[in-house]
């Protein structure tokens, strides 16, 4: 089984866009946190998060996205559970092909869009920081139609519902997971590294 370092190298070899890389780090952090919460394999769940969009920059067509990366991952010997979760997070091709029928695939779908909304909300704060970000601020921005237009609002609700968690609780949980890697995500704002790690 490839290591996290192998997954990082694979991801960065195909993804050059820094914001997309940060998105994948954010989803990895949220997936690792959920794996700990549910007593699941943190490495597997983390890899699903880190690699879920690794073909998107080169293959943005949603009818192809995830199928290309699935081929890459199979060739490299990745666990089929990781590959399945990645395939199942793309609703454009999901349908009957890859229904989200396990906890990992439900968590990946739930973490994908919400990390984007949390990031966008943090970046419009005066501090440009996720530290101290409130759930209410994220919920308020969710209602603003023009804000973070690329984030599918229906998927935010559907993801939490499929995972069986209250949306506010889900947002709070993801904020906490992302806060732990705030500097990596460029969301530490004006806080010093000492304050971030405290």
Protein backbone atom coordinates (compact mmCIF):
# COMPACT_ATOMS: atom_id res chain seq x y z
CA UNK A 1 0.00 0.00 0.00
CA UNK A 2 1.41 3.41 -0.94
CA UNK A 3 2.26 5.83 1.88
CA UNK A 4 0.95 9.33 2.52
CA UNK A 5 4.18 10.65 1.01
CA UNK A 6 3.50 8.62 -2.15
CA UNK A 7 -0.02 10.08 -2.27
CA UNK A 8 1.35 13.61 -1.82
CA UNK A 9 3.83 13.10 -4.69
CA UNK A 10 1.11 11.72 -6.95
CA UNK A 11 -1.23 14.62 -6.14
CA UNK A 12 1.39 17.34 -6.65
CA UNK A 13 2.59 15.77 -9.91
CA UNK A 14 -0.89 16.30 -11.38
CA UNK A 15 -2.09 19.36 -9.45
CA UNK A 16 -0.08 22.56 -9.84
CA UNK A 17 -2.82 25.00 -8.78
CA UNK A 18 -2.01 26.02 -5.21
CA UNK A 19 -5.64 26.68 -4.27
CA UNK A 20 -6.68 23.23 -5.46
CA UNK A 21 -3.83 21.69 -3.49
CA UNK A 22 -4.97 23.58 -0.39
CA UNK A 23 -8.52 22.34 -0.94
CA UNK A 24 -7.26 18.78 -1.01
CA UNK A 25 -5.22 19.33 2.16
CA UNK A 26 -8.36 20.71 3.83
CA UNK A 27 -10.43 17.68 2.83
CA UNK A 28 -7.62 15.39 3.99
CA UNK A 29 -7.60 17.09 7.41
CA UNK A 30 -11.38 16.79 7.74
CA UNK A 31 -11.32 13.14 6.65
CA UNK A 32 -8.56 12.30 9.14
CA UNK A 33 -10.56 13.94 11.91
CA UNK A 34 -13.70 12.00 10.98
CA UNK A 35 -11.71 8.75 10.82
CA UNK A 36 -10.59 9.36 14.41
CA UNK A 37 -14.14 10.19 15.45
CA UNK A 38 -15.57 7.02 13.94
CA UNK A 39 -12.67 4.73 14.86
CA UNK A 40 -11.73 4.15 11.22
CA UNK A 41 -8.36 3.90 9.44
CA UNK A 42 -6.99 7.46 9.47
CA UNK A 43 -4.40 6.79 6.76
CA UNK A 44 -6.96 5.39 4.32
CA UNK A 45 -9.46 8.16 4.97
CA UNK A 46 -6.73 10.80 4.74
CA UNK A 47 -5.58 9.45 1.37
CA UNK A 48 -9.14 9.59 0.03
CA UNK A 49 -9.25 13.27 1.02
CA UNK A 50 -5.79 14.11 -0.30
CA UNK A 51 -6.37 12.42 -3.65
CA UNK A 52 -10.07 13.01 -4.30
CA UNK A 53 -9.53 15.73 -6.93
CA UNK A 54 -6.07 14.73 -8.19
CA UNK A 55 -7.24 14.48 -11.81
CA UNK A 56 -9.47 17.58 -11.78
CA UNK A 57 -6.91 20.10 -13.01
CA UNK A 58 -6.03 18.00 -16.06
CA UNK A 59 -9.50 16.48 -16.57
CA UNK A 60 -12.12 18.99 -15.35
CA UNK A 61 -14.94 17.38 -17.36
CA UNK A 62 -17.15 15.94 -14.63
CA UNK A 63 -18.05 12.97 -16.83
CA UNK A 64 -14.37 11.95 -16.77
CA UNK A 65 -13.24 13.36 -13.40
CA UNK A 66 -12.46 10.61 -10.85
CA UNK A 67 -12.38 7.85 -13.49
CA UNK A 68 -8.95 8.99 -14.64
CA UNK A 69 -7.62 9.17 -11.09
CA UNK A 70 -9.14 5.76 -10.32
CA UNK A 71 -7.00 4.30 -13.11
CA UNK A 72 -3.91 6.06 -11.77
CA UNK A 73 -4.54 4.82 -8.24
CA UNK A 74 -5.20 1.23 -9.29
CA UNK A 75 -1.94 1.23 -11.26
CA UNK A 76 -0.10 2.39 -8.12
CA UNK A 77 -1.71 -0.21 -5.85
CA UNK A 78 -4.02 1.99 -3.76
CA UNK A 79 -6.72 0.39 -1.62
CA UNK A 80 -9.99 -0.13 -3.51
CA UNK A 81 -11.89 1.51 -0.63
CA UNK A 82 -10.04 4.77 -1.30
CA UNK A 83 -10.71 4.50 -5.03
CA UNK A 84 -14.40 3.75 -4.46
CA UNK A 85 -14.86 6.76 -2.16
CA UNK A 86 -13.19 9.02 -4.74
CA UNK A 87 -15.42 7.71 -7.54
CA UNK A 88 -18.54 8.05 -5.39
CA UNK A 89 -17.91 11.70 -4.46
CA UNK A 90 -18.56 12.80 -8.07
CA UNK A 91 -22.34 13.05 -8.29
CA UNK A 92 -22.26 13.70 -12.03
CA UNK A 93 -21.33 10.07 -12.61
CA UNK A 94 -22.42 8.70 -9.25
CA UNK A 95 -25.95 7.42 -9.79
CA UNK A 96 -26.17 3.66 -9.85
CA UNK A 97 -22.50 3.27 -10.72
CA UNK A 98 -20.93 4.27 -7.41
CA UNK A 99 -23.57 4.89 -4.75
CA UNK A 100 -22.22 6.20 -1.46
CA UNK A 101 -22.92 3.08 0.56
CA UNK A 102 -20.13 3.18 3.12
CA UNK A 103 -19.00 5.62 5.79
CA UNK A 104 -15.81 6.70 4.00
CA UNK A 105 -17.57 7.67 0.77
CA UNK A 106 -20.30 9.52 2.69
CA UNK A 107 -17.69 11.41 4.72
CA UNK A 108 -15.69 12.36 1.62
CA UNK A 109 -18.76 13.77 -0.11
CA UNK A 110 -19.74 15.63 3.07
CA UNK A 111 -16.27 17.15 3.54
CA UNK A 112 -15.67 18.17 -0.07
CA UNK A 113 -18.02 21.13 -0.50
CA UNK A 114 -18.04 22.31 3.12
CA UNK A 115 -14.27 22.84 3.15
CA UNK A 116 -14.70 25.19 0.18
CA UNK A 117 -17.39 27.19 1.96
CA UNK A 118 -15.36 27.37 5.18
CA UNK A 119 -12.26 28.53 3.26
CA UNK A 120 -14.19 31.20 1.36
CA UNK A 121 -15.79 32.48 4.57
CA UNK A 122 -12.44 32.63 6.37
CA UNK A 123 -10.82 34.56 3.50
CA UNK A 124 -13.35 37.41 3.60
CA UNK A 125 -12.79 38.02 7.31
CA UNK A 126 -10.61 41.05 8.15
CA UNK A 127 -7.94 38.68 9.52
CA UNK A 128 -8.25 36.24 6.56
CA UNK A 129 -8.05 33.55 9.23
CA UNK A 130 -10.00 30.42 10.08
CA UNK A 131 -9.01 30.78 13.73
CA UNK A 132 -12.09 31.68 15.75
CA UNK A 133 -14.42 31.32 12.74
CA UNK A 134 -17.99 30.80 13.92
CA UNK A 135 -20.50 28.36 12.43
CA UNK A 136 -23.02 31.21 12.23
CA UNK A 137 -20.70 33.13 9.89
CA UNK A 138 -20.49 30.15 7.53
CA UNK A 139 -24.27 29.66 7.62
CA UNK A 140 -24.80 33.35 6.86
CA UNK A 141 -22.48 33.19 3.85
CA UNK A 142 -24.25 30.04 2.63
CA UNK A 143 -27.42 32.14 2.23
CA UNK A 144 -25.65 34.76 0.09
CA UNK A 145 -26.27 33.58 -3.48
CA UNK A 146 -23.36 35.39 -5.10
CA UNK A 147 -20.84 34.29 -2.47
CA UNK A 148 -18.60 31.31 -3.30
CA UNK A 149 -20.83 30.55 -6.26
CA UNK A 150 -18.85 27.41 -7.09
CA UNK A 151 -19.95 25.76 -3.86
CA UNK A 152 -23.09 23.67 -4.38
CA UNK A 153 -25.44 24.58 -1.52
CA UNK A 154 -27.60 21.49 -2.02
CA UNK A 155 -24.53 19.29 -1.61
CA UNK A 156 -23.70 21.00 1.69
CA UNK A 157 -27.04 19.88 3.11
CA UNK A 158 -27.07 16.51 1.36
CA UNK A 159 -23.56 15.67 2.56
CA UNK A 160 -24.38 16.23 6.22
CA UNK A 161 -27.68 14.38 5.84
CA UNK A 162 -26.04 11.34 4.21
CA UNK A 163 -23.40 11.27 6.94
CA UNK A 164 -26.17 11.46 9.55
CA UNK A 165 -24.86 14.58 11.26
CA UNK A 166 -26.42 17.96 12.02
CA UNK A 167 -25.11 20.54 9.53
CA UNK A 168 -24.02 23.00 12.23
CA UNK A 169 -22.16 20.23 14.04
CA UNK A 170 -20.54 19.19 10.76
CA UNK A 171 -19.40 22.75 10.01
CA UNK A 172 -17.96 23.14 13.51
CA UNK A 173 -16.14 19.82 13.22
CA UNK A 174 -14.62 20.71 9.83
CA UNK A 175 -13.60 24.19 11.03
CA UNK A 176 -11.76 22.56 13.95
CA UNK A 177 -10.01 20.04 11.66
CA UNK A 178 -8.96 22.77 9.23
CA UNK A 179 -7.81 25.05 12.05
CA UNK A 180 -5.23 22.43 13.01
CA UNK A 181 -3.50 22.99 9.63
CA UNK A 182 -4.37 26.68 9.26
CA UNK A 183 -0.86 27.67 8.19
CA UNK A 184 -0.71 24.97 5.48
CA UNK A 185 -4.06 26.22 4.18
CA UNK A 186 -2.96 29.87 4.23
CA UNK A 187 -5.71 30.59 6.75
CA UNK A 188 -3.67 31.50 9.81
CA UNK A 189 -4.15 35.15 8.98
CA UNK A 190 -2.46 37.64 11.23
CA UNK A 191 -1.90 35.05 13.98
CA UNK A 192 1.69 34.09 14.73
CA UNK A 193 2.79 30.47 14.43
CA UNK A 194 3.04 30.32 18.24
CA UNK A 195 -0.58 31.39 18.58
CA UNK A 196 -1.70 28.94 15.91
CA UNK A 197 -0.06 25.96 17.57
CA UNK A 198 -1.23 26.89 21.07
